[in-house]
Amino acid sequence: LGELGVPTPDSPPAVDRYTSAGPAPAPTTTAAG
């Protein structure tokens, strides 16, 4: 990204060490608006 002119951030973002609630539910399909 730096080669494309994007300024290097002063520092990377802090890592978010959350804990998930376990296995994901079965995916569902939502109709488009």
Full PDB file with SEQRES, HELIX, SHEET, SSBOND, CRYST1, ORIGX, SCALE, CONECT and MASTER records, all heavy atoms in Angstrom:
SEQRES   1 A   33  LEU GLY GLU LEU GLY VAL PRO THR PRO ASP SER PRO PRO          
SEQRES   2 A   33  ALA VAL ASP ARG TYR THR SER ALA GLY PRO ALA PRO ALA          
SEQRES   3 A   33  PRO THR THR THR ALA ALA GLY                                  
HELIX    1 AA1 GLY A    2  LEU A    4  5                                   3    
CRYST1    1.000    1.000    1.000  90.00  90.00  90.00 P 1           1          
ORIGX1      1.000000  0.000000  0.000000        0.00000                         
ORIGX2      0.000000  1.000000  0.000000        0.00000                         
ORIGX3      0.000000  0.000000  1.000000        0.00000                         
SCALE1      1.000000  0.000000  0.000000        0.00000                         
SCALE2      0.000000  1.000000  0.000000        0.00000                         
SCALE3      0.000000  0.000000  1.000000        0.00000                         
ATOM      1  N   LEU A   1       0.820  -1.213   0.000  1.00  0.00           N  
ATOM      2  CA  LEU A   1       0.000   0.000   0.000  1.00  0.00           C  
ATOM      3  C   LEU A   1       0.855   1.265   0.000  1.00  0.00           C  
ATOM      4  O   LEU A   1       0.492   2.274  -0.613  1.00  0.00           O  
ATOM      5  CB  LEU A   1      -0.934   0.008   1.215  1.00  0.00           C  
ATOM      6  CG  LEU A   1      -2.097  -0.990   1.165  1.00  0.00           C  
ATOM      7  CD1 LEU A   1      -2.810  -1.046   2.505  1.00  0.00           C  
ATOM      8  CD2 LEU A   1      -3.068  -0.630   0.056  1.00  0.00           C  
ATOM      9  N   GLY A   2       1.984   1.205   0.669  1.00  0.00           N  
ATOM     10  CA  GLY A   2       2.881   2.360   0.689  1.00  0.00           C  
ATOM     11  C   GLY A   2       3.370   2.754  -0.693  1.00  0.00           C  
ATOM     12  O   GLY A   2       3.538   3.938  -0.995  1.00  0.00           O  
ATOM     13  N   GLU A   3       3.579   1.758  -1.552  1.00  0.00           N  
ATOM     14  CA  GLU A   3       4.021   2.028  -2.923  1.00  0.00           C  
ATOM     15  C   GLU A   3       2.934   2.745  -3.729  1.00  0.00           C  
ATOM     16  O   GLU A   3       3.220   3.362  -4.756  1.00  0.00           O  
ATOM     17  CB  GLU A   3       4.392   0.714  -3.622  1.00  0.00           C  
ATOM     18  CG  GLU A   3       5.630   0.028  -3.070  1.00  0.00           C  
ATOM     19  CD  GLU A   3       6.901   0.804  -3.390  1.00  0.00           C  
ATOM     20  OE1 GLU A   3       6.944   1.457  -4.456  1.00  0.00           O  
ATOM     21  OE2 GLU A   3       7.839   0.769  -2.570  1.00  0.00           O  
ATOM     22  N   LEU A   4       1.681   2.675  -3.276  1.00  0.00           N  
ATOM     23  CA  LEU A   4       0.574   3.349  -3.960  1.00  0.00           C  
ATOM     24  C   LEU A   4       0.303   4.724  -3.374  1.00  0.00           C  
ATOM     25  O   LEU A   4      -0.641   5.406  -3.788  1.00  0.00           O  
ATOM     26  CB  LEU A   4      -0.695   2.498  -3.866  1.00  0.00           C  
ATOM     27  CG  LEU A   4      -0.624   1.100  -4.477  1.00  0.00           C  
ATOM     28  CD1 LEU A   4      -1.945   0.376  -4.303  1.00  0.00           C  
ATOM     29  CD2 LEU A   4      -0.245   1.180  -5.951  1.00  0.00           C  
ATOM     30  N   GLY A   5       1.124   5.127  -2.409  1.00  0.00           N  
ATOM     31  CA  GLY A   5       0.961   6.449  -1.821  1.00  0.00           C  
ATOM     32  C   GLY A   5       0.139   6.499  -0.553  1.00  0.00           C  
ATOM     33  O   GLY A   5      -0.148   7.581  -0.044  1.00  0.00           O  
ATOM     34  N   VAL A   6      -0.253   5.330  -0.026  1.00  0.00           N  
ATOM     35  CA  VAL A   6      -1.003   5.311   1.227  1.00  0.00           C  
ATOM     36  C   VAL A   6      -0.023   5.523   2.384  1.00  0.00           C  
ATOM     37  O   VAL A   6       0.935   4.758   2.522  1.00  0.00           O  
ATOM     38  CB  VAL A   6      -1.750   3.976   1.413  1.00  0.00           C  
ATOM     39  CG1 VAL A   6      -2.579   4.006   2.690  1.00  0.00           C  
ATOM     40  CG2 VAL A   6      -2.634   3.692   0.202  1.00  0.00           C  
ATOM     41  N   PRO A   7      -0.227   6.558   3.216  1.00  0.00           N  
ATOM     42  CA  PRO A   7       0.704   6.808   4.321  1.00  0.00           C  
ATOM     43  C   PRO A   7       0.727   5.645   5.308  1.00  0.00           C  
ATOM     44  O   PRO A   7      -0.319   5.084   5.646  1.00  0.00           O  
ATOM     45  CB  PRO A   7       0.135   8.073   4.982  1.00  0.00           C  
ATOM     46  CG  PRO A   7      -0.759   8.691   3.962  1.00  0.00           C  
ATOM     47  CD  PRO A   7      -1.311   7.553   3.153  1.00  0.00           C  
ATOM     48  N   THR A   8       1.909   5.285   5.755  1.00  0.00           N  
ATOM     49  CA  THR A   8       2.026   4.236   6.764  1.00  0.00           C  
ATOM     50  C   THR A   8       1.491   4.742   8.090  1.00  0.00           C  
ATOM     51  O   THR A   8       1.882   5.813   8.553  1.00  0.00           O  
ATOM     52  CB  THR A   8       3.494   3.813   6.929  1.00  0.00           C  
ATOM     53  OG1 THR A   8       4.012   3.391   5.675  1.00  0.00           O  
ATOM     54  CG2 THR A   8       3.624   2.677   7.935  1.00  0.00           C  
ATOM     55  N   PRO A   9       0.574   4.012   8.710  1.00  0.00           N  
ATOM     56  CA  PRO A   9       0.037   4.451  10.016  1.00  0.00           C  
ATOM     57  C   PRO A   9       1.147   4.581  11.052  1.00  0.00           C  
ATOM     58  O   PRO A   9       2.186   3.914  10.971  1.00  0.00           O  
ATOM     59  CB  PRO A   9      -0.940   3.334  10.384  1.00  0.00           C  
ATOM     60  CG  PRO A   9      -1.304   2.687   9.078  1.00  0.00           C  
ATOM     61  CD  PRO A   9      -0.075   2.775   8.231  1.00  0.00           C  
ATOM     62  N   ASP A  10       0.914   5.446  12.011  1.00  0.00           N  
ATOM     63  CA  ASP A  10       1.897   5.608  13.089  1.00  0.00           C  
ATOM     64  C   ASP A  10       2.088   4.304  13.849  1.00  0.00           C  
ATOM     65  O   ASP A  10       3.188   4.008  14.333  1.00  0.00           O  
ATOM     66  CB  ASP A  10       1.447   6.710  14.055  1.00  0.00           C  
ATOM     67  CG  ASP A  10       1.456   8.094  13.411  1.00  0.00           C  
ATOM     68  OD1 ASP A  10       2.237   8.292  12.452  1.00  0.00           O  
ATOM     69  OD2 ASP A  10       0.684   8.959  13.855  1.00  0.00           O  
ATOM     70  N   SER A  11       1.016   3.530  13.953  1.00  0.00           N  
ATOM     71  CA  SER A  11       1.097   2.229  14.622  1.00  0.00           C  
ATOM     72  C   SER A  11      -0.064   1.371  14.149  1.00  0.00           C  
ATOM     73  O   SER A  11      -1.096   1.880  13.714  1.00  0.00           O  
ATOM     74  CB  SER A  11       1.042   2.396  16.147  1.00  0.00           C  
ATOM     75  OG  SER A  11      -0.188   2.982  16.535  1.00  0.00           O  
ATOM     76  N   PRO A  12       0.072   0.049  14.214  1.00  0.00           N  
ATOM     77  CA  PRO A  12      -1.044  -0.843  13.865  1.00  0.00           C  
ATOM     78  C   PRO A  12      -2.157  -0.722  14.905  1.00  0.00           C  
ATOM     79  O   PRO A  12      -1.923  -0.259  16.025  1.00  0.00           O  
ATOM     80  CB  PRO A  12      -0.412  -2.240  13.895  1.00  0.00           C  
ATOM     81  CG  PRO A  12       1.067  -2.015  13.944  1.00  0.00           C  
ATOM     82  CD  PRO A  12       1.272  -0.694  14.599  1.00  0.00           C  
ATOM     83  N   PRO A  13      -3.367  -1.146  14.558  1.00  0.00           N  
ATOM     84  CA  PRO A  13      -4.455  -1.119  15.545  1.00  0.00           C  
ATOM     85  C   PRO A  13      -4.244  -2.166  16.630  1.00  0.00           C  
ATOM     86  O   PRO A  13      -3.598  -3.187  16.405  1.00  0.00           O  
ATOM     87  CB  PRO A  13      -5.699  -1.430  14.709  1.00  0.00           C  
ATOM     88  CG  PRO A  13      -5.178  -2.214  13.538  1.00  0.00           C  
ATOM     89  CD  PRO A  13      -3.827  -1.660  13.245  1.00  0.00           C  
ATOM     90  N   ALA A  14      -4.803  -1.908  17.789  1.00  0.00           N  
ATOM     91  CA  ALA A  14      -4.700  -2.870  18.893  1.00  0.00           C  
ATOM     92  C   ALA A  14      -5.502  -4.127  18.568  1.00  0.00           C  
ATOM     93  O   ALA A  14      -6.606  -4.054  18.031  1.00  0.00           O  
ATOM     94  CB  ALA A  14      -5.213  -2.243  20.181  1.00  0.00           C  
ATOM     95  N   VAL A  15      -4.921  -5.271  18.887  1.00  0.00           N  
ATOM     96  CA  VAL A  15      -5.598  -6.550  18.668  1.00  0.00           C  
ATOM     97  C   VAL A  15      -6.751  -6.707  19.659  1.00  0.00           C  
ATOM     98  O   VAL A  15      -6.621  -6.392  20.847  1.00  0.00           O  
ATOM     99  CB  VAL A  15      -4.596  -7.713  18.824  1.00  0.00           C  
ATOM    100  CG1 VAL A  15      -5.316  -9.048  18.904  1.00  0.00           C  
ATOM    101  CG2 VAL A  15      -3.602  -7.715  17.671  1.00  0.00           C  
ATOM    102  N   ASP A  16      -7.899  -7.170  19.149  1.00  0.00           N  
ATOM    103  CA  ASP A  16      -9.086  -7.385  19.974  1.00  0.00           C  
ATOM    104  C   ASP A  16      -9.168  -8.865  20.333  1.00  0.00           C  
ATOM    105  O   ASP A  16      -9.511  -9.693  19.493  1.00  0.00           O  
ATOM    106  CB  ASP A  16     -10.337  -6.948  19.202  1.00  0.00           C  
ATOM    107  CG  ASP A  16     -11.611  -7.135  20.003  1.00  0.00           C  
ATOM    108  OD1 ASP A  16     -11.518  -7.504  21.194  1.00  0.00           O  
ATOM    109  OD2 ASP A  16     -12.702  -6.935  19.443  1.00  0.00           O  
ATOM    110  N   ARG A  17      -8.877  -9.190  21.577  1.00  0.00           N  
ATOM    111  CA  ARG A  17      -8.835 -10.598  21.993  1.00  0.00           C  
ATOM    112  C   ARG A  17     -10.171 -11.025  22.615  1.00  0.00           C  
ATOM    113  O   ARG A  17     -10.240 -11.432  23.775  1.00  0.00           O  
ATOM    114  CB  ARG A  17      -7.685 -10.821  22.964  1.00  0.00           C  
ATOM    115  CG  ARG A  17      -6.321 -10.681  22.307  1.00  0.00           C  
ATOM    116  CD  ARG A  17      -5.196 -10.898  23.303  1.00  0.00           C  
ATOM    117  NE  ARG A  17      -3.900 -10.872  22.636  1.00  0.00           N  
ATOM    118  CZ  ARG A  17      -3.303 -11.921  22.106  1.00  0.00           C  
ATOM    119  NH1 ARG A  17      -3.885 -13.108  22.171  1.00  0.00           N  
ATOM    120  NH2 ARG A  17      -2.130 -11.813  21.525  1.00  0.00           N  
ATOM    121  N   TYR A  18     -11.229 -10.934  21.829  1.00  0.00           N  
ATOM    122  CA  TYR A  18     -12.528 -11.385  22.323  1.00  0.00           C  
ATOM    123  C   TYR A  18     -12.602 -12.913  22.272  1.00  0.00           C  
ATOM    124  O   TYR A  18     -11.799 -13.579  21.634  1.00  0.00           O  
ATOM    125  CB  TYR A  18     -13.658 -10.772  21.486  1.00  0.00           C  
ATOM    126  CG  TYR A  18     -13.843 -11.375  20.113  1.00  0.00           C  
ATOM    127  CD1 TYR A  18     -14.739 -12.414  19.905  1.00  0.00           C  
ATOM    128  CD2 TYR A  18     -13.113 -10.915  19.010  1.00  0.00           C  
ATOM    129  CE1 TYR A  18     -14.912 -12.973  18.646  1.00  0.00           C  
ATOM    130  CE2 TYR A  18     -13.283 -11.464  17.762  1.00  0.00           C  
ATOM    131  CZ  TYR A  18     -14.178 -12.494  17.578  1.00  0.00           C  
ATOM    132  OH  TYR A  18     -14.337 -13.046  16.331  1.00  0.00           O  
ATOM    133  N   THR A  19     -13.590 -13.475  22.940  1.00  0.00           N  
ATOM    134  CA  THR A  19     -13.832 -14.919  22.919  1.00  0.00           C  
ATOM    135  C   THR A  19     -15.187 -15.170  22.287  1.00  0.00           C  
ATOM    136  O   THR A  19     -16.178 -14.548  22.673  1.00  0.00           O  
ATOM    137  CB  THR A  19     -13.821 -15.509  24.336  1.00  0.00           C  
ATOM    138  OG1 THR A  19     -12.547 -15.245  24.937  1.00  0.00           O  
ATOM    139  CG2 THR A  19     -14.052 -17.010  24.303  1.00  0.00           C  
ATOM    140  N   SER A  20     -15.244 -16.073  21.319  1.00  0.00           N  
ATOM    141  CA  SER A  20     -16.506 -16.333  20.635  1.00  0.00           C  
ATOM    142  C   SER A  20     -17.418 -17.174  21.515  1.00  0.00           C  
ATOM    143  O   SER A  20     -16.999 -17.759  22.509  1.00  0.00           O  
ATOM    144  CB  SER A  20     -16.271 -17.048  19.306  1.00  0.00           C  
ATOM    145  OG  SER A  20     -15.948 -18.409  19.520  1.00  0.00           O  
ATOM    146  N   ALA A  21     -18.677 -17.231  21.102  1.00  0.00           N  
ATOM    147  CA  ALA A  21     -19.687 -17.954  21.884  1.00  0.00           C  
ATOM    148  C   ALA A  21     -19.818 -19.405  21.473  1.00  0.00           C  
ATOM    149  O   ALA A  21     -20.780 -20.069  21.828  1.00  0.00           O  
ATOM    150  CB  ALA A  21     -21.029 -17.245  21.738  1.00  0.00           C  
ATOM    151  N   GLY A  22     -18.869 -19.931  20.719  1.00  0.00           N  
ATOM    152  CA  GLY A  22     -18.925 -21.329  20.315  1.00  0.00           C  
ATOM    153  C   GLY A  22     -19.263 -21.484  18.856  1.00  0.00           C  
ATOM    154  O   GLY A  22     -19.195 -20.544  18.079  1.00  0.00           O  
ATOM    155  N   PRO A  23     -19.640 -22.699  18.430  1.00  0.00           N  
ATOM    156  CA  PRO A  23     -19.908 -22.972  17.019  1.00  0.00           C  
ATOM    157  C   PRO A  23     -20.988 -22.064  16.462  1.00  0.00           C  
ATOM    158  O   PRO A  23     -21.929 -21.683  17.153  1.00  0.00           O  
ATOM    159  CB  PRO A  23     -20.358 -24.437  17.016  1.00  0.00           C  
ATOM    160  CG  PRO A  23     -19.773 -25.004  18.270  1.00  0.00           C  
ATOM    161  CD  PRO A  23     -19.785 -23.891  19.267  1.00  0.00           C  
ATOM    162  N   ALA A  24     -20.838 -21.707  15.197  1.00  0.00           N  
ATOM    163  CA  ALA A  24     -21.788 -20.822  14.551  1.00  0.00           C  
ATOM    164  C   ALA A  24     -23.087 -21.554  14.248  1.00  0.00           C  
ATOM    165  O   ALA A  24     -23.094 -22.755  14.001  1.00  0.00           O  
ATOM    166  CB  ALA A  24     -21.189 -20.275  13.260  1.00  0.00           C  
ATOM    167  N   PRO A  25     -24.218 -20.830  14.260  1.00  0.00           N  
ATOM    168  CA  PRO A  25     -25.479 -21.440  13.846  1.00  0.00           C  
ATOM    169  C   PRO A  25     -25.474 -21.699  12.347  1.00  0.00           C  
ATOM    170  O   PRO A  25     -24.641 -21.176  11.612  1.00  0.00           O  
ATOM    171  CB  PRO A  25     -26.511 -20.366  14.212  1.00  0.00           C  
ATOM    172  CG  PRO A  25     -25.746 -19.078  14.189  1.00  0.00           C  
ATOM    173  CD  PRO A  25     -24.359 -19.426  14.654  1.00  0.00           C  
ATOM    174  N   ALA A  26     -26.423 -22.514  11.871  1.00  0.00           N  
ATOM    175  CA  ALA A  26     -26.517 -22.801  10.444  1.00  0.00           C  
ATOM    176  C   ALA A  26     -26.793 -21.509   9.691  1.00  0.00           C  
ATOM    177  O   ALA A  26     -27.619 -20.702  10.103  1.00  0.00           O  
ATOM    178  CB  ALA A  26     -27.635 -23.803  10.185  1.00  0.00           C  
ATOM    179  N   PRO A  27     -26.055 -21.253   8.577  1.00  0.00           N  
ATOM    180  CA  PRO A  27     -26.259 -20.026   7.820  1.00  0.00           C  
ATOM    181  C   PRO A  27     -27.651 -19.967   7.214  1.00  0.00           C  
ATOM    182  O   PRO A  27     -28.245 -20.987   6.855  1.00  0.00           O  
ATOM    183  CB  PRO A  27     -25.174 -20.096   6.736  1.00  0.00           C  
ATOM    184  CG  PRO A  27     -24.839 -21.542   6.608  1.00  0.00           C  
ATOM    185  CD  PRO A  27     -25.046 -22.125   7.972  1.00  0.00           C  
ATOM    186  N   THR A  28     -28.182 -18.744   7.123  1.00  0.00           N  
ATOM    187  CA  THR A  28     -29.485 -18.535   6.510  1.00  0.00           C  
ATOM    188  C   THR A  28     -29.345 -17.616   5.318  1.00  0.00           C  
ATOM    189  O   THR A  28     -28.374 -16.877   5.207  1.00  0.00           O  
ATOM    190  CB  THR A  28     -30.476 -17.914   7.509  1.00  0.00           C  
ATOM    191  OG1 THR A  28     -29.929 -16.677   7.997  1.00  0.00           O  
ATOM    192  CG2 THR A  28     -30.718 -18.844   8.681  1.00  0.00           C  
ATOM    193  N   THR A  29     -30.299 -17.675   4.424  1.00  0.00           N  
ATOM    194  CA  THR A  29     -30.290 -16.839   3.240  1.00  0.00           C  
ATOM    195  C   THR A  29     -31.317 -15.731   3.414  1.00  0.00           C  
ATOM    196  O   THR A  29     -32.472 -15.992   3.731  1.00  0.00           O  
ATOM    197  CB  THR A  29     -30.644 -17.660   1.984  1.00  0.00           C  
ATOM    198  OG1 THR A  29     -29.699 -18.708   1.866  1.00  0.00           O  
ATOM    199  CG2 THR A  29     -30.591 -16.787   0.734  1.00  0.00           C  
ATOM    200  N   THR A  30     -30.877 -14.493   3.218  1.00  0.00           N  
ATOM    201  CA  THR A  30     -31.754 -13.342   3.347  1.00  0.00           C  
ATOM    202  C   THR A  30     -32.012 -12.754   1.984  1.00  0.00           C  
ATOM    203  O   THR A  30     -31.079 -12.511   1.212  1.00  0.00           O  
ATOM    204  CB  THR A  30     -31.109 -12.266   4.253  1.00  0.00           C  
ATOM    205  OG1 THR A  30     -30.821 -12.865   5.513  1.00  0.00           O  
ATOM    206  CG2 THR A  30     -32.044 -11.090   4.445  1.00  0.00           C  
ATOM    207  N   ALA A  31     -33.254 -12.494   1.673  1.00  0.00           N  
ATOM    208  CA  ALA A  31     -33.602 -11.927   0.375  1.00  0.00           C  
ATOM    209  C   ALA A  31     -33.095 -10.508   0.264  1.00  0.00           C  
ATOM    210  O   ALA A  31     -33.015  -9.776   1.248  1.00  0.00           O  
ATOM    211  CB  ALA A  31     -35.125 -11.941   0.204  1.00  0.00           C  
ATOM    212  N   ALA A  32     -32.746 -10.098  -0.946  1.00  0.00           N  
ATOM    213  CA  ALA A  32     -32.249  -8.744  -1.181  1.00  0.00           C  
ATOM    214  C   ALA A  32     -33.379  -7.745  -0.981  1.00  0.00           C  
ATOM    215  O   ALA A  32     -34.550  -8.034  -1.232  1.00  0.00           O  
ATOM    216  CB  ALA A  32     -31.709  -8.627  -2.606  1.00  0.00           C  
ATOM    217  N   GLY A  33     -33.038  -6.525  -0.509  1.00  0.00           N  
ATOM    218  CA  GLY A  33     -34.028  -5.488  -0.295  1.00  0.00           C  
ATOM    219  C   GLY A  33     -34.636  -5.023  -1.606  1.00  0.00           C  
ATOM    220  O   GLY A  33     -34.024  -5.098  -2.667  1.00  0.00           O  
TER     221      GLY A  33                                                      
MASTER        0    0    0    1    0    0    0    6  220    1    0    3          
END                                                                             
